[in-house]
Protein backbone atom coordinates (compact mmCIF):
# COMPACT_ATOMS: atom_id res chain seq x y z
CA MET A 1 -81.06 29.55 73.01
CA SER A 2 -79.94 27.75 69.84
CA THR A 3 -80.13 24.11 69.28
CA ILE A 4 -78.00 21.81 67.18
CA GLY A 5 -80.39 22.06 64.28
CA HIS A 6 -79.95 25.91 64.16
CA LEU A 7 -76.21 25.96 64.51
CA ALA A 8 -73.98 26.95 61.59
CA GLY A 9 -70.28 26.50 61.12
CA PRO A 10 -68.02 24.58 63.39
CA GLU A 11 -70.49 24.34 66.18
CA ALA A 12 -72.91 22.40 63.81
CA VAL A 13 -70.09 20.06 62.94
CA GLU A 14 -69.20 19.51 66.53
CA GLY A 15 -72.90 19.01 67.43
CA ASN A 16 -73.17 16.47 64.65
CA LEU A 17 -70.15 14.63 65.83
CA ILE A 18 -71.45 14.48 69.36
CA MET A 19 -74.74 13.11 68.09
CA GLN A 20 -72.96 10.52 65.92
CA HIS A 21 -70.95 9.46 68.93
CA HIS A 22 -74.10 7.72 70.36
CA GLU A 23 -74.76 5.85 67.24
CA ARG A 24 -73.95 2.08 66.90
CA PRO A 25 -70.37 1.67 65.69
CA ASN A 26 -69.81 0.08 62.18
CA TRP A 27 -69.30 -3.69 62.49
CA PHE A 28 -66.22 -3.62 60.29
CA ALA A 29 -64.54 -0.71 62.02
CA ALA A 30 -65.21 -2.27 65.54
CA GLY A 31 -63.86 -5.68 64.37
CA TRP A 32 -60.42 -6.97 65.12
CA PHE A 33 -59.00 -6.55 61.61
CA ALA A 34 -59.61 -2.89 61.35
CA GLN A 35 -58.55 -2.34 64.81
CA PHE A 36 -55.31 -4.14 64.24
CA MET A 37 -54.62 -2.43 61.00
CA THR A 38 -55.02 1.04 62.57
CA SER A 39 -52.92 0.11 65.61
CA GLY A 40 -49.31 1.14 65.78
CA LEU A 41 -48.13 -2.41 64.90
CA GLY A 42 -50.62 -2.76 62.09
CA ARG A 43 -49.58 0.59 60.60
CA ARG A 44 -45.89 -0.41 60.82
CA ALA A 45 -46.67 -3.75 59.16
CA ARG A 46 -48.37 -2.02 56.36
CA VAL A 47 -45.47 0.36 55.70
CA VAL A 48 -43.01 -2.56 55.76
CA ALA A 49 -45.18 -4.64 53.45
CA GLY A 50 -45.53 -1.61 51.11
CA PHE A 51 -41.63 -1.23 51.00
CA ALA A 52 -41.30 -4.95 50.44
CA LEU A 53 -43.66 -5.04 47.47
CA ILE A 54 -41.96 -1.96 45.98
CA ALA A 55 -38.51 -3.49 46.29
CA PHE A 56 -39.73 -6.87 45.10
CA GLY A 57 -41.44 -5.34 42.00
CA LEU A 58 -38.49 -3.03 41.04
CA VAL A 59 -35.68 -5.60 41.79
CA ALA A 60 -36.97 -9.09 41.39
CA VAL A 61 -39.73 -8.73 38.96
CA GLY A 62 -38.56 -5.77 36.81
CA GLY A 63 -39.98 -4.32 33.65
CA THR A 64 -43.65 -3.20 33.33
CA PRO A 65 -44.97 -5.97 35.69
CA GLY A 66 -42.43 -4.87 38.28
CA VAL A 67 -43.65 -1.33 38.08
CA ILE A 68 -47.16 -2.47 38.40
CA VAL A 69 -46.26 -4.45 41.62
CA ALA A 70 -44.36 -1.38 42.84
CA ALA A 71 -47.43 0.83 42.33
CA ILE A 72 -49.55 -1.70 44.21
CA GLY A 73 -46.88 -1.54 47.05
CA LEU A 74 -47.65 2.22 47.32
CA VAL A 75 -51.21 1.57 48.67
CA PRO A 76 -50.19 -0.10 51.95
CA LEU A 77 -47.20 2.14 52.31
CA LEU A 78 -49.22 5.33 52.10
CA ALA A 79 -52.19 3.86 53.96
CA GLY A 80 -49.99 2.98 56.91
CA THR A 81 -48.12 6.33 56.72
CA PHE A 82 -51.23 8.44 56.61
CA ASP A 83 -53.34 6.32 59.08
CA VAL A 84 -56.12 5.28 56.84
CA CYS A 85 -57.69 1.85 56.15
CA VAL A 86 -58.72 1.50 52.59
CA PHE A 87 -61.05 -1.51 53.20
CA SER A 88 -63.12 0.14 55.84
CA PRO A 89 -65.23 2.45 53.52
CA ILE A 90 -65.91 -0.60 51.30
CA PHE A 91 -67.76 -2.09 54.31
CA GLY A 92 -69.41 1.16 55.36
CA GLY A 93 -66.80 2.20 57.97
CA PRO A 94 -64.79 5.37 58.24
CA LEU A 95 -61.55 5.87 56.31
CA ALA A 96 -59.57 7.55 59.04
CA GLY A 97 -57.68 5.37 61.64
CA ALA A 98 -58.59 7.59 64.46
CA GLU A 99 -62.33 7.19 63.71
CA ILE A 100 -61.89 3.48 63.41
CA ARG A 101 -60.13 3.26 66.80
CA ALA A 102 -62.88 5.39 68.24
CA CYS A 103 -65.32 2.66 67.28
CA ALA A 104 -63.77 0.21 69.60
CA ARG A 105 -64.28 2.63 72.47
CA ARG A 106 -67.99 2.91 71.95
């Protein structure tokens, strides 16, 4: 009786997601770089790189520049931990890793 245009609440969101599933995937999200970064190995590499930058900044650099390097190291650490790709939205793709991986399956 109701169509997707008339749905309200969670059904409308589900309906929109189903409709978006048939759209052409984002070129960046479907590419090898974003797919690797959201894979298990890519996420672990970002976490390790984040820890390395934090340690390097606090131990080897020190002072205010070291704190800045450590703060920059938080970006890959948190992105890998929370499964997001910070570069994807810059190129018009989704932020969430699960959505990026779904682009390869379309």
